Structures are given as C-alpha cells and as structure tokens.
Amino acid sequence: MNKCGIAMDDCVLTVSSLNAWRSGRWLLRDISCDFPSGSVAVLAGRNGSGKTTFLRSLASLLLSSDGWRVTGVVRSAQRVAYLGQNLPLNEDMTVSEFFRLTSSGGDEWIQMHSRFAIGELASLQLSQLSGGQWQRIRLAQCLSNPAPLVLLDEPDSFLDRPWRGVLLDCLSQRAARGDVVVVALHRPEEAKSIATHWLGFESGSLMFCESGRDVYPNELLGRLFLVKRLDSPEPVD
C-alpha cells in the first residue's frame, strides 16, 4: 500500500520521489502518490505552492533546456490531455478558425462542442471573447481529447457557477469511464461530489494525500489557506 492507501498493482498513475528545481530553488520536493483507474484527484494550495509545477511535470513539460532539473519517476499513460493556465492567442482568428486548426473532430469533439455551447461563439474573433468564453473554448478543446490521463490547471478560472457545474459533470464522466483526472481548482469545495483524492501542497511539498469519495479534508484545507487569509491586506473603508 502507498501513502494514499492504494494497492500499488492497481495504480494507473504513479509518482515516486518527484523533485523539481529551477532558478536556485526547489519547486517540488519528494512528491509520491498513486491513482487507480477512475480517480479524480483535486490539488489544493496557495499560489506558488507547487500545483502548476506538479501538473506540468506529469505532462512532461519541464525541460532541462528551460533550466529545469527534474528527478524521480512518473509512470502514466502515454497519451495526456492537458489544460494549462494560459495559451497565446492570435486575436484576429475566429473561434471557428481556431478549432479548424487545433481540433481533430470526432464524437468527443461534437459532445464537448455541445456541452460548452461553442456554436454560439463560432463567428466571434478571439479578441472579442470574455475570459469565461475563452475558458469554455479551451475546455471543449482539452476535453475532446480522449486521452486516459486528464490534467487541468485551474480550469474553473473565469467560469460562473453554471459552467463550473458543466465542467465538474464532464470530469465525473471521464472518471466513470476509467480515466484519471488530476485537477487544481480555485474552489475545491465544489468538487466534493466527484473527488476521490485530495492533495494539499505547501512550498513544493505534499502536506497531505487523502482518499475516499466520502472524504473532504476540511480542516487540512483550512490550514493550507490560513496563511493566505492572515496575509491579506485589510479592506480600506
């Protein structure tokens, strides 16, 4: 059994002693965790705690040519669907043109096109989109990828509550078919209904790894965000 309480032979994604170093400091320190088929792992932690670096390491995006030094082992599916926090825009391109260049089509794309109501945005230029509209487009593109490992970095950014509900429903469906979802969320409490694992990051270290669909580590999550609340400036009258 590993530190998350999972039998090693049942793991689809395995991370062993993962470390990441760049610009004179450790951004990940000795991260080990494992996830079986159908997992939805929610990452929590303050800005700069290591969540993005962890997701990028799982997606094999940390390159020595960019100054990264990465050690440890990540064993996972070869195909990955990844959504980072940013993507450069060609602002003169329309939404339809963007998808003609970036999407492979197929049943998955048709379903995501409908779920995120992309048709109503098709004629708009990317420069005309709101943050929430652009996020819907990026999610439709990412989740139309049928890869068995889905990595999402703050996919709820800019989304209002109804669209966040659509997102969580899509992630639940991916897990139900056996995919593994690893996601950093702004509002981890909204994922209680679908989460099977909770990972808490602080200063590049894994502070806790809890598992179970009936588990919501409220006290542990509160400790992660306590310093952020204490550091917040007082409101100005």
Protein backbone atom coordinates (compact mmCIF):
# COMPACT_ATOMS: atom_id res chain seq x y z
CA MET A 1 0.00 0.00 0.00
CA ASN A 2 1.17 3.54 -0.72
CA LYS A 3 0.77 6.71 1.35
CA CYS A 4 -2.67 7.33 -0.20
CA GLY A 5 -3.82 3.85 0.83
CA ILE A 6 -3.87 2.33 -2.68
CA ALA A 7 -2.58 -1.09 -3.67
CA MET A 8 0.39 -0.48 -5.96
CA ASP A 9 -0.73 -3.02 -8.56
CA ASP A 10 -4.00 -1.12 -9.06
CA CYS A 11 -2.38 2.23 -9.87
CA VAL A 12 -2.73 3.81 -13.31
CA LEU A 13 -0.69 6.94 -12.48
CA THR A 14 2.31 6.52 -10.19
CA VAL A 15 4.58 9.32 -8.97
CA SER A 16 7.67 8.35 -7.00
CA SER A 17 10.06 10.78 -5.24
CA LEU A 18 9.42 13.59 -7.72
CA ASN A 19 11.61 16.68 -7.33
CA ALA A 20 11.81 19.80 -9.49
CA TRP A 21 14.49 22.51 -9.25
CA ARG A 22 14.79 25.80 -11.12
CA SER A 23 16.35 29.23 -10.60
CA GLY A 24 18.12 28.26 -7.40
CA ARG A 25 15.20 26.73 -5.54
CA TRP A 26 13.16 23.58 -5.20
CA LEU A 27 9.64 23.89 -6.60
CA LEU A 28 8.73 20.27 -5.80
CA ARG A 29 10.22 18.18 -3.01
CA ASP A 30 9.88 14.39 -2.78
CA ILE A 31 6.32 14.01 -4.11
CA SER A 32 4.94 10.46 -4.14
CA CYS A 33 1.35 9.48 -4.90
CA ASP A 34 -0.64 6.97 -6.94
CA PHE A 35 -4.06 6.93 -8.56
CA PRO A 36 -6.14 3.99 -9.83
CA SER A 37 -8.48 4.00 -12.79
CA GLY A 38 -11.46 6.32 -12.27
CA SER A 39 -9.69 8.71 -9.90
CA VAL A 40 -10.42 12.42 -9.63
CA ALA A 41 -7.54 13.97 -7.69
CA VAL A 42 -8.06 17.55 -6.53
CA LEU A 43 -4.96 19.64 -5.88
CA ALA A 44 -5.20 22.42 -3.29
CA GLY A 45 -2.76 25.03 -2.06
CA ARG A 46 -1.94 28.70 -2.19
CA ASN A 47 -0.46 30.41 -5.25
CA GLY A 48 3.12 29.24 -5.72
CA SER A 49 2.67 26.10 -3.61
CA GLY A 50 3.69 23.74 -6.45
CA LYS A 51 0.38 22.71 -8.06
CA THR A 52 1.22 24.02 -11.55
CA THR A 53 4.73 22.58 -11.45
CA PHE A 54 3.31 19.22 -10.41
CA LEU A 55 0.80 19.17 -13.28
CA ARG A 56 3.44 20.27 -15.79
CA SER A 57 5.76 17.52 -14.57
CA LEU A 58 3.02 14.92 -15.12
CA ALA A 59 2.57 16.29 -18.64
CA SER A 60 6.37 16.07 -19.27
CA LEU A 61 6.59 19.82 -19.88
CA LEU A 62 9.57 20.58 -17.63
CA LEU A 63 12.60 20.57 -19.91
CA SER A 64 16.26 20.76 -18.97
CA SER A 65 16.74 23.19 -21.88
CA ASP A 66 14.49 25.64 -19.99
CA GLY A 67 16.59 25.38 -16.85
CA TRP A 68 14.60 22.66 -15.09
CA ARG A 69 16.21 19.85 -13.14
CA VAL A 70 13.69 17.08 -12.51
CA THR A 71 14.34 13.81 -10.68
CA GLY A 72 12.07 10.95 -9.69
CA VAL A 73 9.72 8.68 -11.63
CA VAL A 74 6.33 9.32 -13.24
CA ARG A 75 4.61 6.27 -14.70
CA SER A 76 1.40 7.02 -16.56
CA ALA A 77 -0.49 6.64 -19.81
CA GLN A 78 1.42 7.83 -22.86
CA ARG A 79 -1.49 9.98 -24.03
CA VAL A 80 -2.37 13.02 -21.94
CA ALA A 81 -4.98 15.77 -22.23
CA TYR A 82 -3.52 18.90 -20.64
CA LEU A 83 -5.02 22.32 -19.93
CA GLY A 84 -2.59 24.92 -18.60
CA GLN A 85 -3.42 28.36 -17.27
CA ASN A 86 -2.56 30.30 -20.39
CA LEU A 87 -2.44 29.87 -24.15
CA PRO A 88 -1.19 32.51 -26.64
CA LEU A 89 -3.89 33.98 -28.84
CA ASN A 90 -3.97 35.06 -32.46
CA GLU A 91 -6.61 37.68 -31.75
CA ASP A 92 -7.66 38.13 -35.39
CA MET A 93 -8.66 34.47 -35.65
CA THR A 94 -12.30 33.48 -35.28
CA VAL A 95 -13.42 30.71 -32.96
CA SER A 96 -14.28 28.52 -35.97
CA GLU A 97 -10.83 29.09 -37.48
CA PHE A 98 -9.20 28.27 -34.15
CA PHE A 99 -10.93 24.91 -33.96
CA ARG A 100 -10.20 24.06 -37.59
CA LEU A 101 -6.52 24.45 -36.77
CA THR A 102 -6.46 22.79 -33.34
CA SER A 103 -9.19 20.14 -33.15
CA SER A 104 -9.30 16.67 -34.67
CA GLY A 105 -13.11 16.41 -34.68
CA GLY A 106 -14.92 13.16 -33.91
CA ASP A 107 -17.62 12.20 -31.44
CA GLU A 108 -15.75 13.58 -28.42
CA TRP A 109 -15.48 16.98 -30.02
CA ILE A 110 -19.15 17.04 -31.05
CA GLN A 111 -20.16 16.27 -27.46
CA MET A 112 -17.88 18.92 -25.93
CA HIS A 113 -18.92 21.44 -28.61
CA SER A 114 -22.49 20.99 -27.40
CA ARG A 115 -21.76 20.85 -23.66
CA PHE A 116 -19.87 24.15 -23.69
CA ALA A 117 -22.20 25.82 -26.24
CA ILE A 118 -19.37 26.63 -28.64
CA GLY A 119 -21.75 27.14 -31.59
CA GLU A 120 -22.94 30.47 -30.23
CA LEU A 121 -19.33 31.73 -30.22
CA ALA A 122 -18.24 30.38 -33.62
CA SER A 123 -18.26 33.64 -35.57
CA LEU A 124 -16.54 35.75 -32.90
CA GLN A 125 -12.90 36.74 -33.11
CA LEU A 126 -10.77 35.59 -30.21
CA SER A 127 -10.17 39.24 -29.30
CA GLN A 128 -13.91 39.64 -28.72
CA LEU A 129 -14.21 36.85 -26.18
CA SER A 130 -14.65 37.33 -22.46
CA GLY A 131 -12.44 35.37 -20.08
CA GLY A 132 -15.23 32.91 -19.41
CA GLN A 133 -15.98 32.37 -23.12
CA TRP A 134 -12.32 31.73 -23.87
CA GLN A 135 -12.13 29.26 -20.99
CA ARG A 136 -15.13 27.36 -22.35
CA ILE A 137 -13.37 27.07 -25.72
CA ARG A 138 -10.18 25.82 -24.11
CA LEU A 139 -12.10 23.27 -22.04
CA ALA A 140 -14.00 21.99 -25.07
CA GLN A 141 -10.71 21.58 -26.90
CA CYS A 142 -8.97 19.79 -23.99
CA LEU A 143 -11.84 17.50 -23.03
CA SER A 144 -12.43 16.41 -26.62
CA ASN A 145 -9.06 14.65 -26.32
CA PRO A 146 -9.86 11.02 -25.35
CA ALA A 147 -6.53 10.51 -23.54
CA PRO A 148 -6.82 8.36 -20.37
CA LEU A 149 -4.96 10.94 -18.22
CA VAL A 150 -6.55 14.40 -17.95
CA LEU A 151 -4.52 17.21 -16.32
CA LEU A 152 -6.22 20.55 -15.66
CA ASP A 153 -4.70 23.64 -14.05
CA GLU A 154 -7.41 25.89 -12.58
CA PRO A 155 -9.99 25.10 -15.27
CA ASP A 156 -12.67 26.88 -13.25
CA SER A 157 -10.99 30.26 -13.81
CA PHE A 158 -13.42 32.89 -15.17
CA LEU A 159 -16.35 30.45 -15.19
CA ASP A 160 -19.59 31.31 -13.43
CA ARG A 161 -21.45 28.68 -11.44
CA PRO A 162 -23.49 27.04 -14.25
CA TRP A 163 -20.40 26.48 -16.39
CA ARG A 164 -18.45 25.20 -13.39
CA GLY A 165 -21.23 22.66 -12.98
CA VAL A 166 -20.82 21.58 -16.61
CA LEU A 167 -17.07 21.23 -16.06
CA LEU A 168 -17.46 19.04 -12.97
CA ASP A 169 -20.04 16.89 -14.73
CA CYS A 170 -17.64 16.33 -17.64
CA LEU A 171 -14.83 15.38 -15.25
CA SER A 172 -17.14 12.95 -13.45
CA GLN A 173 -17.99 11.30 -16.78
CA ARG A 174 -14.29 10.93 -17.63
CA ALA A 175 -13.66 9.21 -14.30
CA ALA A 176 -16.71 6.98 -14.74
CA ARG A 177 -15.24 5.55 -17.93
CA GLY A 178 -11.94 4.82 -16.19
CA ASP A 179 -9.81 7.87 -16.97
CA VAL A 180 -7.67 9.53 -14.30
CA VAL A 181 -8.30 13.26 -13.73
CA VAL A 182 -5.83 15.44 -11.81
CA VAL A 183 -7.12 18.98 -11.35
CA ALA A 184 -6.15 22.13 -9.46
CA LEU A 185 -9.25 24.12 -8.57
CA HIS A 186 -9.94 27.60 -7.20
CA ARG A 187 -12.94 26.24 -5.30
CA PRO A 188 -12.07 22.71 -4.09
CA GLU A 189 -15.25 22.56 -2.01
CA GLU A 190 -17.29 22.40 -5.23
CA ALA A 191 -15.58 19.12 -6.18
CA LYS A 192 -16.71 17.20 -3.09
CA SER A 193 -19.24 15.19 -5.09
CA ILE A 194 -16.69 13.83 -7.60
CA ALA A 195 -13.30 13.86 -5.82
CA THR A 196 -11.69 10.56 -4.88
CA HIS A 197 -8.35 12.04 -3.74
CA TRP A 198 -7.27 15.28 -2.09
CA LEU A 199 -3.67 16.52 -2.32
CA GLY A 200 -2.52 19.52 -0.31
CA PHE A 201 0.60 21.41 -1.44
CA GLU A 202 2.66 23.91 0.54
CA SER A 203 6.05 25.32 -0.55
CA GLY A 204 6.57 22.49 -3.05
CA SER A 205 5.86 19.71 -0.55
CA LEU A 206 2.90 17.39 -0.32
CA MET A 207 1.32 18.16 3.05
CA PHE A 208 -1.44 15.55 2.82
CA CYS A 209 -2.90 12.94 0.49
CA GLU A 210 -6.37 11.78 1.47
CA SER A 211 -8.51 9.32 -0.48
CA GLY A 212 -12.15 8.24 -0.47
CA ARG A 213 -15.30 9.57 -2.12
CA ASP A 214 -16.76 10.31 1.32
CA VAL A 215 -13.67 12.26 2.42
CA TYR A 216 -13.48 16.05 2.45
CA PRO A 217 -10.42 17.17 4.45
CA ASN A 218 -11.94 20.46 5.55
CA GLU A 219 -9.58 21.05 8.47
CA LEU A 220 -6.48 20.25 6.40
CA LEU A 221 -7.63 22.51 3.57
CA GLY A 222 -8.27 25.27 6.06
CA ARG A 223 -4.69 25.06 7.31
CA LEU A 224 -3.35 25.41 3.77
CA PHE A 225 -5.22 28.64 3.20
CA LEU A 226 -4.90 30.13 6.70
CA VAL A 227 -1.65 31.97 5.95
CA LYS A 228 -3.19 33.45 2.83
CA ARG A 229 -6.07 34.85 4.87
CA LEU A 230 -3.74 36.27 7.51
CA ASP A 231 -1.51 37.84 4.84
CA SER A 232 -4.43 39.50 3.03
CA PRO A 233 -4.46 43.30 3.32
CA GLU A 234 -7.13 44.86 5.49
CA PRO A 235 -10.03 46.31 3.50
CA VAL A 236 -9.98 50.07 3.05
CA ASP A 237 -13.11 51.93 4.15
